[in-house]
Protein backbone atom coordinates (compact mmCIF):
# COMPACT_ATOMS: atom_id res chain seq x y z
CA MET A 1 -39.34 -189.50 159.44
CA GLU A 2 -42.86 -188.07 159.32
CA ASN A 3 -42.74 -186.88 162.84
CA GLN A 4 -39.70 -184.93 162.05
CA ILE A 5 -39.61 -181.50 161.57
CA PRO A 6 -37.63 -180.06 158.89
CA SER A 7 -35.08 -177.41 160.02
CA GLN A 8 -36.85 -174.47 158.14
CA GLN A 9 -40.03 -174.65 159.66
CA HIS A 10 -38.10 -175.58 163.37
CA ASN A 11 -36.90 -172.07 162.83
CA PHE A 12 -40.03 -170.68 161.97
CA TYR A 13 -41.44 -171.87 165.24
CA SER A 14 -39.15 -170.34 167.14
CA GLU A 15 -39.53 -167.24 165.33
CA ILE A 16 -43.03 -167.05 166.30
CA LYS A 17 -42.42 -168.10 170.06
CA GLN A 18 -39.73 -165.37 170.10
CA ILE A 19 -42.23 -162.91 168.96
CA LEU A 20 -44.84 -164.05 171.87
CA ALA A 21 -41.94 -164.28 174.59
CA SER A 22 -40.90 -160.58 173.50
CA ALA A 23 -44.75 -159.32 173.54
CA LYS A 24 -45.12 -160.85 177.20
CA ASN A 25 -42.01 -159.10 178.08
CA LYS A 26 -43.48 -155.81 176.26
CA VAL A 27 -47.35 -156.53 178.88
CA HIS A 28 -45.46 -156.89 181.68
CA SER A 29 -43.55 -153.53 181.11
CA VAL A 30 -46.63 -151.77 180.43
CA VAL A 31 -47.96 -153.16 183.49
CA ASN A 32 -45.37 -152.25 185.85
CA SER A 33 -45.03 -148.94 184.76
CA ALA A 34 -48.69 -148.08 184.94
CA MET A 35 -48.49 -149.27 188.24
CA VAL A 36 -45.25 -147.49 189.32
CA GLU A 37 -47.13 -143.98 187.79
CA ALA A 38 -50.72 -144.49 188.88
CA TYR A 39 -49.19 -144.87 192.76
CA TRP A 40 -46.75 -142.13 192.61
CA SER A 41 -49.53 -139.76 191.00
CA ILE A 42 -51.74 -140.59 193.88
CA GLY A 43 -49.00 -139.75 196.13
CA LYS A 44 -48.63 -136.22 194.69
CA ARG A 45 -52.42 -135.76 194.90
CA ILE A 46 -52.78 -136.43 198.21
CA VAL A 47 -49.83 -134.68 199.20
CA GLU A 48 -51.23 -131.44 197.44
CA GLU A 49 -54.84 -131.63 198.70
CA GLU A 50 -53.63 -132.33 202.18
CA GLN A 51 -51.65 -128.98 201.94
CA LYS A 52 -55.00 -126.89 200.98
CA GLY A 53 -56.26 -128.86 204.67
CA GLU A 54 -55.81 -126.32 207.69
CA ALA A 55 -55.57 -128.90 210.43
CA LYS A 56 -52.99 -131.18 207.96
CA ALA A 57 -52.59 -134.65 210.39
CA LYS A 58 -56.52 -134.34 210.89
CA TYR A 59 -57.37 -133.58 207.46
CA GLY A 60 -54.77 -136.11 205.58
CA SER A 61 -56.24 -138.84 208.03
CA TYR A 62 -59.56 -138.47 207.07
CA LEU A 63 -58.79 -137.92 203.11
CA ILE A 64 -56.71 -141.26 202.97
CA LYS A 65 -59.47 -142.90 205.29
CA GLU A 66 -62.15 -141.70 202.64
CA LEU A 67 -60.21 -142.11 199.36
CA SER A 68 -59.41 -145.82 200.50
CA LYS A 69 -63.16 -146.60 201.27
CA GLN A 70 -64.09 -144.62 197.32
CA LEU A 71 -61.40 -146.65 195.75
CA THR A 72 -61.72 -150.17 197.38
CA GLU A 73 -66.10 -149.77 196.28
CA GLU A 74 -65.28 -148.50 192.90
CA PHE A 75 -61.93 -150.74 192.04
CA GLY A 76 -61.80 -153.56 194.80
CA LYS A 77 -58.86 -155.03 196.79
CA GLY A 78 -55.48 -153.28 196.65
CA PHE A 79 -56.21 -150.00 198.13
CA SER A 80 -56.31 -150.20 202.00
CA ILE A 81 -55.68 -147.62 204.05
CA ALA A 82 -51.80 -148.71 204.27
CA SER A 83 -51.43 -148.94 201.01
CA ILE A 84 -52.34 -145.70 200.13
CA LYS A 85 -50.26 -144.35 203.00
CA ASN A 86 -47.35 -146.50 201.14
CA PHE A 87 -48.21 -144.07 198.02
CA ARG A 88 -48.25 -140.84 199.98
CA GLN A 89 -45.23 -142.07 201.11
CA PHE A 90 -43.64 -143.09 198.08
CA TYR A 91 -43.91 -139.41 196.33
CA LEU A 92 -43.12 -137.84 199.68
CA THR A 93 -40.14 -139.70 199.73
CA TYR A 94 -38.39 -138.53 196.20
CA SER A 95 -40.38 -135.50 196.22
CA SER A 96 -38.20 -133.10 199.26
CA ASP A 97 -35.68 -132.36 196.55
CA GLU A 98 -36.78 -130.81 193.76
CA SER A 99 -33.26 -131.10 191.87
CA THR A 100 -33.49 -134.96 191.47
CA LEU A 101 -37.32 -135.46 191.69
CA GLN A 102 -37.07 -136.39 187.70
CA LYS A 103 -33.82 -138.78 188.01
CA SER A 104 -35.97 -140.29 191.35
CA TYR A 105 -39.08 -140.80 189.20
CA THR A 106 -37.19 -142.37 186.16
CA LEU A 107 -35.22 -144.74 188.16
CA CYS A 108 -38.54 -146.03 190.44
CA SER A 109 -40.79 -146.07 187.37
CA GLN A 110 -38.09 -148.92 185.94
CA LEU A 111 -38.74 -150.76 189.07
CA THR A 112 -41.54 -152.84 190.08
CA TRP A 113 -43.72 -151.69 193.12
CA SER A 114 -42.30 -154.36 195.26
CA HIS A 115 -39.03 -152.89 194.89
CA ASN A 116 -39.93 -149.66 195.27
CA ARG A 117 -42.02 -150.29 198.10
CA ARG A 118 -38.75 -151.92 199.78
CA ILE A 119 -36.14 -149.14 199.07
CA MET A 120 -38.63 -146.37 200.62
CA ARG A 121 -37.87 -148.36 204.04
CA VAL A 122 -34.21 -147.28 203.75
CA THR A 123 -33.38 -144.55 205.80
CA ASP A 124 -29.63 -143.40 203.94
CA PRO A 125 -30.20 -141.01 201.12
CA LYS A 126 -27.41 -142.41 199.69
CA ALA A 127 -28.36 -146.04 200.27
CA LYS A 128 -31.23 -145.64 198.94
CA TRP A 129 -30.35 -143.81 195.78
CA TYR A 130 -27.38 -146.91 195.63
CA TYR A 131 -29.92 -149.36 195.89
CA LEU A 132 -32.18 -147.81 193.56
CA GLU A 133 -29.45 -147.49 190.79
CA GLU A 134 -27.91 -151.12 191.39
CA SER A 135 -31.21 -152.59 191.54
CA LEU A 136 -31.91 -151.27 187.91
CA ASN A 137 -28.27 -151.91 186.39
CA GLN A 138 -27.53 -155.24 188.14
CA ASN A 139 -31.15 -156.30 187.34
CA TRP A 140 -31.80 -157.44 191.35
CA SER A 141 -34.51 -159.26 191.83
CA VAL A 142 -36.54 -158.53 194.81
CA ARG A 143 -35.41 -161.30 196.81
CA THR A 144 -32.12 -159.88 196.06
CA LEU A 145 -32.52 -156.66 196.76
CA ASP A 146 -33.82 -157.56 200.41
CA ARG A 147 -31.27 -159.39 201.06
CA ASN A 148 -28.53 -156.89 200.24
CA ILE A 149 -30.46 -154.59 202.16
CA SER A 150 -31.00 -156.72 205.54
CA THR A 151 -27.25 -157.73 205.65
CA GLN A 152 -26.36 -153.81 204.92
CA TYR A 153 -24.42 -154.60 201.42
CA TYR A 154 -23.90 -151.02 200.96
CA GLN A 155 -22.67 -150.23 204.23
CA ARG A 156 -20.25 -152.91 204.36
CA LEU A 157 -19.15 -152.03 200.38
CA LEU A 158 -18.59 -148.28 201.46
CA HIS A 159 -16.31 -149.35 204.74
CA SER A 160 -14.80 -152.58 203.20
CA PRO A 161 -11.11 -152.50 202.13
CA SER A 162 -12.10 -155.12 199.50
CA LYS A 163 -15.05 -154.90 197.81
CA GLU A 164 -13.96 -156.92 195.42
CA LEU A 165 -14.88 -159.67 197.84
CA VAL A 166 -17.69 -158.42 199.13
CA GLU A 167 -19.00 -158.04 195.75
CA SER A 168 -18.45 -161.69 194.87
CA GLU A 169 -19.59 -162.94 198.13
CA MET A 170 -22.97 -161.37 197.71
CA LYS A 171 -23.33 -162.81 194.34
CA GLU A 172 -22.48 -166.24 195.57
CA ASN A 173 -24.88 -165.63 198.34
CA THR A 174 -27.85 -164.39 195.85
CA LYS A 175 -27.43 -166.66 192.70
CA ASP A 176 -30.39 -168.46 193.58
CA LEU A 177 -32.80 -165.38 194.03
CA GLU A 178 -32.29 -164.48 190.49
CA LEU A 179 -34.84 -162.45 188.49
CA ASN A 180 -37.82 -164.65 187.48
CA PRO A 181 -40.31 -162.87 185.29
CA GLU A 182 -42.92 -164.83 185.67
CA ASN A 183 -42.88 -164.08 188.96
CA PHE A 184 -43.82 -160.06 188.38
CA ILE A 185 -47.10 -161.25 186.84
CA LYS A 186 -47.97 -163.61 189.52
CA ASN A 187 -47.25 -161.20 192.32
CA PRO A 188 -50.46 -160.16 194.57
CA SER A 189 -50.34 -156.39 193.98
CA VAL A 190 -50.31 -156.82 190.21
CA LEU A 191 -53.31 -158.98 189.83
CA GLU A 192 -55.06 -156.71 192.35
CA PHE A 193 -54.17 -153.59 189.89
CA LEU A 194 -55.41 -155.85 186.98
CA ASN A 195 -58.41 -156.65 189.08
CA LEU A 196 -57.55 -160.52 188.78
CA PRO A 197 -58.46 -162.96 191.66
CA THR A 198 -55.80 -163.21 193.99
CA ASN A 199 -57.06 -166.11 195.58
CA PHE A 200 -56.96 -168.44 192.71
CA ALA A 201 -54.45 -170.96 192.32
CA TYR A 202 -53.11 -169.91 188.20
CA THR A 203 -51.95 -172.51 186.08
CA GLU A 204 -49.24 -170.87 183.85
CA GLN A 205 -51.81 -171.00 180.85
CA GLU A 206 -55.23 -169.93 183.26
CA LEU A 207 -52.94 -166.64 184.33
CA GLU A 208 -51.95 -165.93 180.21
CA LYS A 209 -55.46 -166.38 179.39
CA ALA A 210 -56.39 -164.04 182.31
CA LEU A 211 -54.19 -161.50 181.72
CA ILE A 212 -54.95 -161.46 177.83
CA ASP A 213 -58.58 -161.11 178.17
CA ASP A 214 -58.08 -157.67 180.79
CA ILE A 215 -54.98 -156.50 179.21
CA GLN A 216 -56.98 -154.99 175.68
CA GLN A 217 -59.71 -153.34 178.09
CA PHE A 218 -56.96 -152.26 180.78
CA LEU A 219 -54.70 -150.71 177.41
CA LEU A 220 -57.95 -148.62 176.68
CA GLU A 221 -58.77 -147.72 180.25
CA LEU A 222 -54.73 -146.53 180.42
CA GLY A 223 -55.06 -143.79 177.39
CA LYS A 224 -52.58 -141.34 177.64
CA GLY A 225 -51.17 -142.15 181.22
CA PHE A 226 -51.01 -139.98 184.04
CA ALA A 227 -49.91 -136.79 184.13
CA PHE A 228 -46.31 -136.05 185.72
């Protein structure tokens, strides 16, 4: 009897756990928004700087190579030439149409960088918009998104006489690929962005401690954010 927790105390402990769970979700959201905002802003500045050069192709290549070198020296991993080219392409993918630029950014900023990087490779503009909106509205995991793009889900929906059948089949085939919030913060690109070691076999407790130790300084450095 002494080891049993009274109902009132049990509710108290549950409430505290919920507060912590909610705080973790907010941290994940802040980190993700900061990543996407930073990469969008970096891509925008690269494009603006390239436009100042007379020999654009040659200047752009040098600019990205030098930027990669300097950022890697200052911030560590996550800023390879390939990564910086992705930042540039991220902005270029949506900046060609001024009328939809703000909407594009709003959608992109609510998805993870992994989602955005996968959607960037979709060549059909209408399909790209569809995957952006559905990933957000349906809370698709990256694995679900990747599978749907790879199996041409949008095109099959568009041309199928029975959209309900295609949709139900997709849901059945992706039910084991649902979003796991814990996977976001363990993503190597997120760890690199937070300057946490990516070659360390984190337990959940160790990862949370590393994140808590780092997040206060990270938020201080984030300041008011980046200008759109």
